[in-house]
Amino acid sequence: MGLVLDEDKNGNVFVTSIDANRRAEKSGKVFVGDQVMMVSATFGDDLWSCEGVGLTRVLSCITLSPLKLIICMKCSTVNRLEIPSQSNWC
């Protein structure tokens, strides 16, 4: 994927860096400072909330996700232009 993640003192997980020429950078939709909000479940079609669960649990969900990985991010407004009418979700 090309993301480096870390957590804050509340267990929220954020993107701390993005590797050049990897999937995350090429998508143009993920930025440093974005918060991981939800990850696809390890079974079924559900999304699991990642708010406050910590880095270890988020990485476990990402690693164990079988075929299709979905990560929902809350976009940071740091280092990017925002259009007022846009949502803060990527």
N, C-alpha and C. Protein backbone atom coordinates (compact mmCIF):
# COMPACT_ATOMS: atom_id res chain seq x y z
N MET A 1 0.81 -1.19 0.00
CA MET A 1 0.00 0.00 0.00
C MET A 1 0.86 1.26 0.00
N GLY A 2 1.93 1.23 0.76
CA GLY A 2 2.80 2.40 0.78
C GLY A 2 2.45 3.44 1.82
N LEU A 3 1.80 3.02 2.90
CA LEU A 3 1.45 3.94 3.98
C LEU A 3 2.25 3.62 5.23
N VAL A 4 2.64 4.64 5.97
CA VAL A 4 3.19 4.44 7.30
C VAL A 4 2.18 5.05 8.27
N LEU A 5 1.76 4.25 9.24
CA LEU A 5 0.73 4.66 10.19
C LEU A 5 1.32 4.76 11.59
N ASP A 6 0.71 5.60 12.41
CA ASP A 6 1.08 5.71 13.82
C ASP A 6 -0.18 6.11 14.58
N GLU A 7 -0.13 6.00 15.90
CA GLU A 7 -1.30 6.33 16.71
C GLU A 7 -1.00 7.49 17.64
N ASP A 8 -2.08 8.18 18.04
CA ASP A 8 -1.94 9.25 19.03
C ASP A 8 -2.24 8.67 20.41
N LYS A 9 -2.22 9.51 21.43
CA LYS A 9 -2.42 9.05 22.81
C LYS A 9 -3.82 8.50 23.06
N ASN A 10 -4.75 8.80 22.17
CA ASN A 10 -6.13 8.31 22.30
C ASN A 10 -6.38 7.04 21.50
N GLY A 11 -5.35 6.50 20.85
CA GLY A 11 -5.50 5.28 20.06
C GLY A 11 -6.04 5.50 18.67
N ASN A 12 -6.11 6.76 18.22
CA ASN A 12 -6.53 7.05 16.85
C ASN A 12 -5.32 6.88 15.93
N VAL A 13 -5.55 6.33 14.76
CA VAL A 13 -4.45 6.00 13.84
C VAL A 13 -4.43 6.98 12.68
N PHE A 14 -3.23 7.47 12.38
CA PHE A 14 -3.03 8.48 11.34
C PHE A 14 -1.95 8.06 10.36
N VAL A 15 -2.03 8.60 9.15
CA VAL A 15 -0.98 8.41 8.15
C VAL A 15 0.15 9.37 8.51
N THR A 16 1.36 8.82 8.70
CA THR A 16 2.51 9.66 9.04
C THR A 16 3.44 9.88 7.85
N SER A 17 3.40 8.96 6.89
CA SER A 17 4.15 9.18 5.64
C SER A 17 3.60 8.26 4.55
N ILE A 18 3.91 8.64 3.33
CA ILE A 18 3.44 7.89 2.16
C ILE A 18 4.64 7.60 1.28
N ASP A 19 4.83 6.34 0.93
CA ASP A 19 5.95 5.94 0.09
C ASP A 19 5.72 6.35 -1.36
N ALA A 20 6.76 6.88 -1.98
CA ALA A 20 6.67 7.30 -3.38
C ALA A 20 6.42 6.10 -4.30
N ASN A 21 5.62 6.33 -5.32
CA ASN A 21 5.33 5.36 -6.37
C ASN A 21 4.64 4.09 -5.89
N ARG A 22 3.99 4.16 -4.75
CA ARG A 22 3.20 3.02 -4.27
C ARG A 22 1.72 3.35 -4.44
N ARG A 23 0.87 2.41 -4.17
CA ARG A 23 -0.57 2.53 -4.43
C ARG A 23 -1.20 3.76 -3.77
N ALA A 24 -0.87 4.03 -2.53
CA ALA A 24 -1.47 5.17 -1.81
C ALA A 24 -1.12 6.49 -2.48
N GLU A 25 0.14 6.67 -2.84
CA GLU A 25 0.53 7.92 -3.50
C GLU A 25 -0.10 8.03 -4.88
N LYS A 26 -0.09 6.96 -5.62
CA LYS A 26 -0.64 6.98 -6.98
C LYS A 26 -2.14 7.28 -6.99
N SER A 27 -2.85 6.91 -5.93
CA SER A 27 -4.30 7.16 -5.89
C SER A 27 -4.59 8.65 -5.80
N GLY A 28 -3.68 9.41 -5.16
CA GLY A 28 -3.90 10.84 -4.98
C GLY A 28 -5.00 11.16 -3.98
N LYS A 29 -5.43 10.15 -3.22
CA LYS A 29 -6.55 10.34 -2.28
C LYS A 29 -6.13 10.24 -0.82
N VAL A 30 -4.89 9.88 -0.56
CA VAL A 30 -4.42 9.70 0.80
C VAL A 30 -3.29 10.69 1.06
N PHE A 31 -3.35 11.33 2.23
CA PHE A 31 -2.35 12.35 2.56
C PHE A 31 -1.87 12.17 3.99
N VAL A 32 -0.66 12.63 4.25
CA VAL A 32 -0.13 12.63 5.60
C VAL A 32 -1.08 13.42 6.50
N GLY A 33 -1.40 12.86 7.64
CA GLY A 33 -2.33 13.50 8.58
C GLY A 33 -3.73 12.93 8.51
N ASP A 34 -4.06 12.19 7.45
CA ASP A 34 -5.38 11.57 7.36
C ASP A 34 -5.54 10.54 8.47
N GLN A 35 -6.75 10.44 9.02
CA GLN A 35 -7.03 9.49 10.10
C GLN A 35 -7.75 8.28 9.54
N VAL A 36 -7.31 7.09 9.95
CA VAL A 36 -7.99 5.85 9.58
C VAL A 36 -9.24 5.74 10.44
N MET A 37 -10.40 5.75 9.80
CA MET A 37 -11.67 5.71 10.52
C MET A 37 -12.32 4.33 10.53
N MET A 38 -12.22 3.62 9.40
CA MET A 38 -12.84 2.30 9.30
C MET A 38 -11.98 1.41 8.39
N VAL A 39 -12.05 0.10 8.65
CA VAL A 39 -11.34 -0.89 7.84
C VAL A 39 -12.32 -2.02 7.56
N SER A 40 -12.21 -2.61 6.37
CA SER A 40 -13.10 -3.71 6.04
C SER A 40 -12.89 -4.87 7.02
N ALA A 41 -13.99 -5.53 7.34
CA ALA A 41 -13.95 -6.65 8.28
C ALA A 41 -13.14 -7.81 7.70
N THR A 42 -12.64 -8.66 8.59
CA THR A 42 -11.88 -9.82 8.12
C THR A 42 -12.79 -10.89 7.54
N PHE A 43 -14.11 -10.71 7.70
CA PHE A 43 -15.09 -11.60 7.07
C PHE A 43 -16.34 -10.79 6.78
N GLY A 44 -17.08 -11.18 5.79
CA GLY A 44 -18.31 -10.47 5.43
C GLY A 44 -18.04 -9.14 4.75
N ASP A 45 -19.08 -8.33 4.63
CA ASP A 45 -18.99 -7.05 3.93
C ASP A 45 -19.01 -5.84 4.86
N ASP A 46 -18.88 -6.07 6.15
CA ASP A 46 -18.96 -4.99 7.12
C ASP A 46 -17.69 -4.15 7.15
N LEU A 47 -17.82 -2.94 7.67
CA LEU A 47 -16.68 -2.09 7.96
C LEU A 47 -16.60 -1.94 9.47
N TRP A 48 -15.39 -2.03 10.01
CA TRP A 48 -15.19 -1.90 11.45
C TRP A 48 -14.62 -0.53 11.77
N SER A 49 -15.16 0.09 12.80
CA SER A 49 -14.66 1.38 13.24
C SER A 49 -13.26 1.23 13.83
N CYS A 50 -12.41 2.20 13.51
CA CYS A 50 -11.04 2.19 14.02
C CYS A 50 -10.78 3.33 14.99
N GLU A 51 -11.81 4.07 15.32
CA GLU A 51 -11.62 5.20 16.22
C GLU A 51 -11.21 4.72 17.60
N GLY A 52 -10.02 5.12 18.02
CA GLY A 52 -9.54 4.83 19.36
C GLY A 52 -9.13 3.40 19.64
N VAL A 53 -9.01 2.55 18.62
CA VAL A 53 -8.68 1.14 18.87
C VAL A 53 -7.18 0.86 18.88
N GLY A 54 -6.38 1.80 18.44
CA GLY A 54 -4.93 1.63 18.47
C GLY A 54 -4.34 1.04 17.21
N LEU A 55 -3.06 1.27 17.05
CA LEU A 55 -2.34 0.86 15.85
C LEU A 55 -2.30 -0.66 15.68
N THR A 56 -2.07 -1.39 16.74
CA THR A 56 -1.96 -2.85 16.65
C THR A 56 -3.22 -3.47 16.08
N ARG A 57 -4.38 -3.02 16.56
CA ARG A 57 -5.64 -3.59 16.07
C ARG A 57 -5.91 -3.19 14.62
N VAL A 58 -5.61 -1.95 14.26
CA VAL A 58 -5.81 -1.51 12.87
C VAL A 58 -4.92 -2.32 11.94
N LEU A 59 -3.65 -2.49 12.30
CA LEU A 59 -2.75 -3.26 11.46
C LEU A 59 -3.19 -4.72 11.36
N SER A 60 -3.74 -5.27 12.42
CA SER A 60 -4.26 -6.64 12.37
C SER A 60 -5.40 -6.76 11.39
N CYS A 61 -6.31 -5.79 11.41
CA CYS A 61 -7.44 -5.80 10.47
C CYS A 61 -6.95 -5.70 9.03
N ILE A 62 -5.98 -4.83 8.80
CA ILE A 62 -5.45 -4.66 7.45
C ILE A 62 -4.75 -5.93 6.99
N THR A 63 -3.96 -6.52 7.86
CA THR A 63 -3.20 -7.73 7.52
C THR A 63 -4.11 -8.92 7.28
N LEU A 64 -5.16 -9.06 8.07
CA LEU A 64 -6.05 -10.22 7.98
C LEU A 64 -7.15 -10.09 6.95
N SER A 65 -7.33 -8.91 6.39
CA SER A 65 -8.38 -8.71 5.40
C SER A 65 -8.12 -9.60 4.20
N PRO A 66 -9.07 -10.49 3.86
CA PRO A 66 -8.80 -11.52 2.85
C PRO A 66 -8.56 -11.01 1.43
N LEU A 67 -9.56 -10.64 0.72
CA LEU A 67 -9.40 -10.31 -0.68
C LEU A 67 -9.46 -8.82 -0.98
N LYS A 68 -10.51 -8.19 -0.50
CA LYS A 68 -10.75 -6.79 -0.82
C LYS A 68 -10.59 -5.94 0.44
N LEU A 69 -9.59 -5.10 0.45
CA LEU A 69 -9.34 -4.24 1.60
C LEU A 69 -9.95 -2.87 1.34
N ILE A 70 -10.76 -2.40 2.27
CA ILE A 70 -11.34 -1.07 2.19
C ILE A 70 -10.91 -0.31 3.45
N ILE A 71 -10.33 0.86 3.25
CA ILE A 71 -9.95 1.71 4.37
C ILE A 71 -10.63 3.05 4.16
N CYS A 72 -11.41 3.49 5.15
CA CYS A 72 -12.06 4.80 5.10
C CYS A 72 -11.23 5.76 5.93
N MET A 73 -10.93 6.91 5.35
CA MET A 73 -10.10 7.91 6.01
C MET A 73 -10.89 9.19 6.24
N LYS A 74 -10.60 9.85 7.34
CA LYS A 74 -11.06 11.21 7.57
C LYS A 74 -9.91 12.10 7.14
N CYS A 75 -10.15 12.90 6.12
CA CYS A 75 -9.07 13.67 5.51
C CYS A 75 -8.62 14.82 6.38
N SER A 76 -7.33 14.96 6.47
CA SER A 76 -6.72 16.09 7.15
C SER A 76 -6.76 17.29 6.22
N THR A 77 -6.88 18.48 6.77
CA THR A 77 -6.85 19.68 5.92
C THR A 77 -5.45 20.29 5.89
N VAL A 78 -4.51 19.64 6.55
CA VAL A 78 -3.13 20.12 6.57
C VAL A 78 -2.47 19.84 5.22
N ASN A 79 -1.78 20.80 4.70
CA ASN A 79 -0.99 20.64 3.47
C ASN A 79 -1.82 20.32 2.23
N ARG A 80 -3.06 20.77 2.17
CA ARG A 80 -3.83 20.62 0.94
C ARG A 80 -4.90 21.69 0.89
N LEU A 81 -5.30 22.00 -0.30
CA LEU A 81 -6.35 22.99 -0.49
C LEU A 81 -7.70 22.31 -0.29
N GLU A 82 -8.58 22.96 0.39
CA GLU A 82 -9.93 22.42 0.61
C GLU A 82 -10.94 23.24 -0.15
N ILE A 83 -11.88 22.60 -0.76
CA ILE A 83 -13.01 23.26 -1.38
C ILE A 83 -14.14 23.20 -0.36
N PRO A 84 -14.68 24.33 0.08
CA PRO A 84 -15.65 24.34 1.18
C PRO A 84 -16.81 23.37 1.03
N SER A 85 -17.26 23.11 -0.17
CA SER A 85 -18.42 22.24 -0.34
C SER A 85 -18.07 20.76 -0.25
N GLN A 86 -16.79 20.43 -0.23
CA GLN A 86 -16.40 19.01 -0.17
C GLN A 86 -16.49 18.48 1.25
N SER A 87 -16.80 17.22 1.34
CA SER A 87 -16.81 16.52 2.62
C SER A 87 -15.38 16.33 3.09
N ASN A 88 -15.20 16.06 4.37
CA ASN A 88 -13.86 15.79 4.87
C ASN A 88 -13.54 14.30 4.88
N TRP A 89 -14.31 13.53 4.13
CA TRP A 89 -14.03 12.10 3.98
C TRP A 89 -13.43 11.82 2.62
N CYS A 90 -12.39 10.99 2.59
CA CYS A 90 -11.76 10.61 1.32
C CYS A 90 -12.58 9.53 0.66
